[in-house]
Each structure stands twice: as C-alpha cells, then as structure tokens.
Amino acid sequence: MRQQVAISLGALGDFLLTLPLLRELSQRSAVAVIARSAYRALCPDWLAGRPFLAVDGAAGTQLFTPNARFSPPLAGTVAGAVAQVFAAEDDLLRTNLLGNGAHRVVFHAPRPTKPPHIVQRFFTAADIAPPAGWPSSPTMPAAPAGDALWIHAGSGSPAKSLPLPFLARRAQRWRAATGLPVVVSFGEADLMLRGPLRDAFAAAGTAYEELVCPSLGELRAALARRAKRYLGADTGVTHLAAALGKEVLVGFRTTDPDIWRPIGNCRVLRRDELTH
C-alpha cells in the first residue's frame, strides 16, 4: 500500500476523529501527518516517529500558494503518496498536491449533516473496511489511573455547552456517592463560565479543583492521570477523554450524536436528559 499523508485542517475534535482511520492505515503503510503544530502533543504512540509537519507553518503556506513548488520536507512527504485530506474539496490544494507528485488526493467532507457517523464516512472514502468494534475502541488509551470526575465546562459554541446547574448536580451526586474529587477544566473559549460555574457549584455545596487553559500536552497528561469519569459537551476535550479510554458521558444539545459521538467508552446524554 502506498504511503499515506493525512492533512487535517480542522479543530481539535476533527483531528481526533481522524485517528481511527490513521491507526488502520498505519498498520498497512507508512503514514505522515500534516496538522496544527499543537496537535503533535496528541499523536498516539503508534504515530511516534512518523513525519509530522505543521499546517500552521511553512508547509501550510506552501499547500495553499498558487503554482507552489514544495520544498523539503513537504515535497518528500507528498511525492508518490495518497493524500487523505480532512477538509472540504479545494481545487488549489488538489492541484498543488498532484503537481508536486502526490499519487492521489482523497477529500473527506468535514461537516456531514446526516448519518452515518463521520468516522464511518472516512473509512468509506478511503475504500477501507473499518475494524470490528471501532466505535468503542479508544485510539490512545492511557494506563488506568485517576479517581476524579472530570468536567469540561464549555465548548467552542455556547449553544453546545451544557447547563451549569446540570453540571453542578452531577458533581454533587458524584461527591455524595463516592467522596472522590471533581476537576473542572476551562479553555480560553470557556473563561466567561468560571464565575457562573463557581456560583452554581457553591449553590450545590460542591467543592472542585480547576485546571485553566492548559496546553494540549498538559491537558492530555492531566486527563490521563486524574480522570476516572468524564462529563462534557460535544467538544474537542470530550473527544480527547474518549480517545484516552476514559468513561465518558457526553451531552448533545445541538449536534447529532449519530454523526459526532466520540470514539471510545462513551454514553450519550441527549437534550431531554440534560435537566436532571
């Protein structure tokens, strides 16, 4: 099988959802990755030592420069390879890849509006049969560890974020049932929730620890070390928790879990379950 080059232009969750296909491809051929530089910290062990180029660096600039002649190492990575592009079809990108020696370009539509699951679509577009049990198979499982309920408070879209009183009630029940800690993480997009969440948890009489704006490497390590169960919305951190093999409860308010359910040990909470 020819070398495969995965070009991921999306956000955190989009990148993590490419991993089931990349894992299968890596068992059959050489695989290189072109993605945001921060995502290097999220590459599983089975991608260790594989080429990784930053799409937010020189490689990304060349990909989208008209009539580009790629310089090393991009040229060597692309030459003779099948480019699996996780983005909407783009004529300039296709022309540049083929013009610099790519054998074939496969575009994977990043925003389907109806089932099947997006990972199933990735396998179909790549003309590869998915392995048995892929929906429940975490792609970067960490050694069992942690005793905390980990909550990620927000999401990239406020409409997807879970109600704060709901999170507070779930945390209070966890503490009452187990006596174990609660950790709440915030990214830059969630900082406006810190005060309201503090008020909601205070009203429920529930203590918690905060992790604020960690790097992706720090977030991966802390989730692997601390989390026993995870609760969050349809967001990139939730996909990371599932990829790490954590027991995940994910609430869907506006998106379709039949398309976007995280890959791993995941239970879906639908809109009508997010009030109790």
Protein backbone atom coordinates (compact mmCIF):
# COMPACT_ATOMS: atom_id res chain seq x y z
CA MET A 1 0.00 0.00 0.00
CA ARG A 2 1.31 3.47 -0.87
CA GLN A 3 2.45 5.92 1.77
CA GLN A 4 -0.44 7.91 3.21
CA VAL A 5 -0.34 11.59 4.09
CA ALA A 6 -3.10 12.78 6.41
CA ILE A 7 -3.80 16.51 6.07
CA SER A 8 -6.08 17.72 8.85
CA LEU A 9 -7.24 21.34 8.65
CA GLY A 10 -9.90 21.24 11.38
CA ALA A 11 -10.19 21.86 15.09
CA LEU A 12 -9.24 19.54 17.96
CA GLY A 13 -12.23 17.21 17.77
CA ASP A 14 -11.90 16.98 13.99
CA PHE A 15 -8.28 15.89 14.32
CA LEU A 16 -9.07 13.26 16.96
CA LEU A 17 -11.83 11.79 14.80
CA THR A 18 -9.29 11.07 12.05
CA LEU A 19 -7.33 8.74 14.33
CA PRO A 20 -9.35 5.52 13.82
CA LEU A 21 -8.63 5.68 10.07
CA LEU A 22 -4.99 6.70 10.62
CA ARG A 23 -4.50 3.80 13.02
CA GLU A 24 -5.76 1.36 10.40
CA LEU A 25 -3.64 2.98 7.67
CA SER A 26 -0.55 2.89 9.90
CA GLN A 27 -0.85 -0.91 10.12
CA ARG A 28 -0.71 -1.14 6.34
CA SER A 29 1.74 1.53 5.21
CA ALA A 30 3.88 4.49 6.16
CA VAL A 31 1.83 7.44 7.42
CA ALA A 32 2.73 11.12 7.68
CA VAL A 33 0.61 13.82 9.34
CA ILE A 34 0.15 17.47 8.42
CA ALA A 35 -1.89 19.27 11.09
CA ARG A 36 -1.77 22.14 13.55
CA SER A 37 1.53 22.20 15.42
CA ALA A 38 -0.21 21.91 18.81
CA TYR A 39 -1.67 18.54 17.80
CA ARG A 40 1.75 16.91 17.76
CA ALA A 41 1.29 16.52 21.53
CA LEU A 42 -1.80 14.40 20.87
CA CYS A 43 -0.27 11.90 18.47
CA PRO A 44 -0.68 8.36 19.85
CA ASP A 45 2.27 6.05 20.42
CA TRP A 46 1.55 4.28 17.14
CA LEU A 47 2.34 7.54 15.31
CA ALA A 48 5.61 8.02 17.17
CA GLY A 49 8.47 8.60 14.78
CA ARG A 50 6.18 9.23 11.81
CA PRO A 51 6.70 12.54 9.97
CA PHE A 52 4.65 15.44 11.35
CA LEU A 53 4.52 18.80 9.56
CA ALA A 54 2.75 21.88 10.88
CA VAL A 55 -0.09 23.16 8.74
CA ASP A 56 0.22 26.47 10.60
CA GLY A 57 3.85 26.71 9.46
CA ALA A 58 5.73 26.71 6.16
CA ALA A 59 4.07 23.50 4.96
CA GLY A 60 0.61 25.03 5.25
CA THR A 61 1.68 28.16 3.39
CA GLN A 62 3.04 26.09 0.51
CA LEU A 63 -0.07 23.93 0.29
CA PHE A 64 -2.20 26.97 -0.49
CA THR A 65 0.21 29.02 -2.61
CA PRO A 66 -0.76 29.05 -6.31
CA ASN A 67 1.67 27.08 -8.51
CA ALA A 68 3.74 26.16 -5.45
CA ARG A 69 6.83 24.02 -5.78
CA PHE A 70 7.14 22.32 -2.44
CA SER A 71 10.45 22.42 -0.62
CA PRO A 72 11.77 19.64 1.61
CA PRO A 73 10.47 18.04 3.73
CA LEU A 74 6.99 18.63 2.30
CA ALA A 75 7.99 17.58 -1.20
CA GLY A 76 9.44 14.30 0.01
CA THR A 77 6.42 13.62 2.19
CA VAL A 78 3.91 14.15 -0.61
CA ALA A 79 5.74 12.55 -3.55
CA GLY A 80 4.11 9.24 -4.54
CA ALA A 81 1.71 9.31 -1.58
CA VAL A 82 -2.06 9.16 -1.26
CA ALA A 83 -3.15 12.40 0.40
CA GLN A 84 -6.09 11.92 2.77
CA VAL A 85 -7.37 15.49 3.17
CA PHE A 86 -9.81 16.07 6.01
CA ALA A 87 -11.36 19.25 4.67
CA ALA A 88 -13.84 20.47 2.07
CA GLU A 89 -12.73 19.94 -1.53
CA ASP A 90 -10.34 22.64 -2.67
CA ASP A 91 -9.13 22.85 -6.26
CA LEU A 92 -5.95 24.78 -5.41
CA LEU A 93 -4.93 22.26 -2.77
CA ARG A 94 -5.66 19.32 -5.09
CA THR A 95 -3.69 20.92 -7.94
CA ASN A 96 -0.70 21.63 -5.70
CA LEU A 97 -0.61 18.13 -4.25
CA LEU A 98 -0.88 16.41 -7.63
CA GLY A 99 1.54 18.89 -9.19
CA ASN A 100 4.11 18.01 -6.54
CA GLY A 101 3.89 14.29 -7.12
CA ALA A 102 1.03 13.02 -4.97
CA HIS A 103 -0.37 9.80 -6.44
CA ARG A 104 -3.96 10.59 -5.50
CA VAL A 105 -5.96 13.04 -3.37
CA VAL A 106 -8.96 11.94 -1.29
CA PHE A 107 -11.07 14.65 0.28
CA HIS A 108 -13.10 13.79 3.38
CA ALA A 109 -16.10 16.10 3.85
CA PRO A 110 -15.67 17.66 7.32
CA ARG A 111 -19.29 18.62 8.07
CA PRO A 112 -21.83 15.95 7.12
CA THR A 113 -25.40 16.79 8.06
CA LYS A 114 -26.80 13.28 8.32
CA PRO A 115 -25.61 9.80 9.39
CA PRO A 116 -23.63 7.61 9.10
CA HIS A 117 -21.01 8.56 11.66
CA ILE A 118 -18.23 10.74 10.27
CA VAL A 119 -15.58 8.09 11.04
CA GLN A 120 -17.58 5.54 9.03
CA ARG A 121 -17.57 8.07 6.19
CA PHE A 122 -13.78 8.42 6.46
CA PHE A 123 -13.31 4.67 6.04
CA THR A 124 -15.70 4.56 3.11
CA ALA A 125 -13.97 7.44 1.29
CA ALA A 126 -10.59 5.77 1.85
CA ASP A 127 -12.01 2.48 0.50
CA ILE A 128 -11.01 0.61 3.64
CA ALA A 129 -13.21 -1.65 5.75
CA PRO A 130 -13.30 -0.41 9.36
CA PRO A 131 -12.10 -2.86 12.01
CA ALA A 132 -14.65 -4.61 14.19
CA GLY A 133 -15.66 -2.64 17.25
CA TRP A 134 -14.19 0.66 16.10
CA PRO A 135 -16.91 2.87 17.70
CA SER A 136 -15.92 1.72 21.19
CA SER A 137 -12.17 1.37 20.67
CA PRO A 138 -10.16 4.29 22.14
CA THR A 139 -7.33 5.38 19.88
CA MET A 140 -4.77 6.38 22.53
CA PRO A 141 -5.76 4.53 25.72
CA ALA A 142 -3.86 5.54 28.84
CA ALA A 143 -2.98 3.19 31.67
CA PRO A 144 -5.87 3.00 34.15
CA ALA A 145 -5.47 5.86 36.56
CA GLY A 146 -7.35 8.59 38.31
CA ASP A 147 -10.24 8.85 40.72
CA ALA A 148 -11.82 12.17 39.75
CA LEU A 149 -14.93 13.17 37.93
CA TRP A 150 -13.55 15.47 35.24
CA ILE A 151 -15.89 18.12 33.84
CA HIS A 152 -15.14 20.39 30.92
CA ALA A 153 -17.41 23.34 31.37
CA GLY A 154 -17.81 24.77 27.88
CA SER A 155 -17.33 24.22 24.17
CA GLY A 156 -16.35 26.16 21.11
CA SER A 157 -20.02 27.01 20.62
CA PRO A 158 -22.09 28.29 23.58
CA ALA A 159 -25.13 26.56 22.11
CA LYS A 160 -23.42 23.20 22.65
CA SER A 161 -22.31 23.89 26.25
CA LEU A 162 -24.12 22.00 28.99
CA PRO A 163 -26.31 23.81 31.57
CA LEU A 164 -24.25 24.76 34.62
CA PRO A 165 -26.91 23.66 37.15
CA PHE A 166 -26.89 20.25 35.47
CA LEU A 167 -23.11 20.00 35.84
CA ALA A 168 -23.34 21.09 39.49
CA ARG A 169 -25.97 18.44 40.26
CA ARG A 170 -23.93 15.70 38.61
CA ALA A 171 -20.83 16.77 40.54
CA GLN A 172 -22.78 16.86 43.82
CA ARG A 173 -24.09 13.33 43.22
CA TRP A 174 -20.57 12.10 42.41
CA ARG A 175 -19.20 13.56 45.63
CA ALA A 176 -22.08 12.16 47.69
CA ALA A 177 -21.81 8.68 46.18
CA THR A 178 -18.01 8.32 46.05
CA GLY A 179 -16.36 11.01 48.16
CA LEU A 180 -13.92 11.40 45.28
CA PRO A 181 -12.69 14.69 43.79
CA VAL A 182 -14.14 16.78 40.98
CA VAL A 183 -11.89 18.57 38.47
CA VAL A 184 -13.23 21.26 36.14
CA SER A 185 -11.21 22.37 33.13
CA PHE A 186 -11.54 25.58 31.15
CA GLY A 187 -10.11 26.58 27.79
CA GLU A 188 -9.76 30.12 26.51
CA ALA A 189 -13.26 29.97 25.00
CA ASP A 190 -14.74 28.97 28.36
CA LEU A 191 -13.27 31.56 30.70
CA MET A 192 -16.52 33.53 30.93
CA LEU A 193 -18.07 30.45 32.57
CA ARG A 194 -15.71 30.40 35.57
CA GLY A 195 -17.75 32.81 37.69
CA PRO A 196 -21.21 31.38 36.86
CA LEU A 197 -19.94 27.83 37.36
CA ARG A 198 -18.44 28.79 40.72
CA ASP A 199 -21.85 30.13 41.76
CA ALA A 200 -23.69 27.02 40.55
CA PHE A 201 -21.33 24.68 42.39
CA ALA A 202 -21.49 26.80 45.55
CA ALA A 203 -25.29 26.58 45.48
CA ALA A 204 -24.98 22.79 45.28
CA GLY A 205 -22.38 22.78 48.08
CA THR A 206 -19.81 21.01 45.91
CA ALA A 207 -16.06 21.64 46.02
CA TYR A 208 -13.93 21.24 42.91
CA GLU A 209 -10.46 21.85 41.53
CA GLU A 210 -9.77 23.97 38.47
CA LEU A 211 -7.44 23.48 35.52
CA VAL A 212 -7.36 26.68 33.46
CA CYS A 213 -6.01 26.99 29.91
CA PRO A 214 -3.50 24.12 29.91
CA SER A 215 -1.51 23.32 26.79
CA LEU A 216 -2.77 20.29 24.90
CA GLY A 217 0.15 18.25 26.18
CA GLU A 218 -0.64 19.27 29.76
CA LEU A 219 -4.33 18.55 29.23
CA ARG A 220 -3.64 15.10 27.81
CA ALA A 221 -1.33 14.21 30.71
CA ALA A 222 -3.70 15.55 33.38
CA LEU A 223 -6.74 13.77 31.92
CA ALA A 224 -4.82 10.50 31.71
CA ARG A 225 -3.58 10.84 35.30
CA ARG A 226 -6.61 12.28 37.12
CA ALA A 227 -9.83 11.31 35.36
CA LYS A 228 -11.89 8.24 36.17
CA ARG A 229 -15.12 9.52 34.63
CA TYR A 230 -15.58 12.48 32.29
CA LEU A 231 -18.60 14.70 31.65
CA GLY A 232 -18.80 17.31 28.91
CA ALA A 233 -20.45 18.61 25.77
CA ASP A 234 -19.72 17.73 22.17
CA THR A 235 -16.32 19.39 22.13
CA GLY A 236 -12.69 18.57 21.44
CA VAL A 237 -11.79 17.87 25.08
CA THR A 238 -14.57 15.29 25.23
CA HIS A 239 -13.14 13.53 22.17
CA LEU A 240 -9.73 13.55 23.87
CA ALA A 241 -11.12 11.97 27.05
CA ALA A 242 -12.77 9.23 24.97
CA ALA A 243 -9.59 8.68 22.95
CA LEU A 244 -7.73 8.17 26.25
CA GLY A 245 -10.14 5.38 27.19
CA LYS A 246 -11.95 7.26 29.94
CA GLU A 247 -15.56 6.54 30.84
CA VAL A 248 -17.28 9.42 29.06
CA LEU A 249 -20.71 10.98 29.46
CA VAL A 250 -21.28 13.40 26.60
CA GLY A 251 -24.27 15.70 26.32
CA PHE A 252 -25.58 16.64 22.88
CA ARG A 253 -27.74 19.75 22.66
CA THR A 254 -27.50 20.90 19.04
CA THR A 255 -25.38 18.36 17.14
CA ASP A 256 -26.27 14.80 16.13
CA PRO A 257 -24.57 12.02 18.14
CA ASP A 258 -25.20 9.60 15.29
CA ILE A 259 -22.62 11.67 13.37
CA TRP A 260 -20.36 13.08 16.11
CA ARG A 261 -20.35 10.61 19.01
CA PRO A 262 -16.80 10.33 20.44
CA ILE A 263 -14.88 7.12 19.77
CA GLY A 264 -14.38 5.05 22.91
CA ASN A 265 -16.23 4.12 26.10
CA CYS A 266 -18.93 6.70 25.64
CA ARG A 267 -22.50 7.12 26.82
CA VAL A 268 -24.59 9.76 25.07
CA LEU A 269 -26.89 12.08 27.00
CA ARG A 270 -29.47 13.63 24.72
CA ARG A 271 -31.11 17.00 25.15
CA ASP A 272 -34.00 15.78 27.31
CA GLU A 273 -31.56 14.15 29.75
CA LEU A 274 -29.69 17.37 30.48
CA THR A 275 -32.16 18.73 33.01
CA HIS A 276 -31.70 16.26 35.86
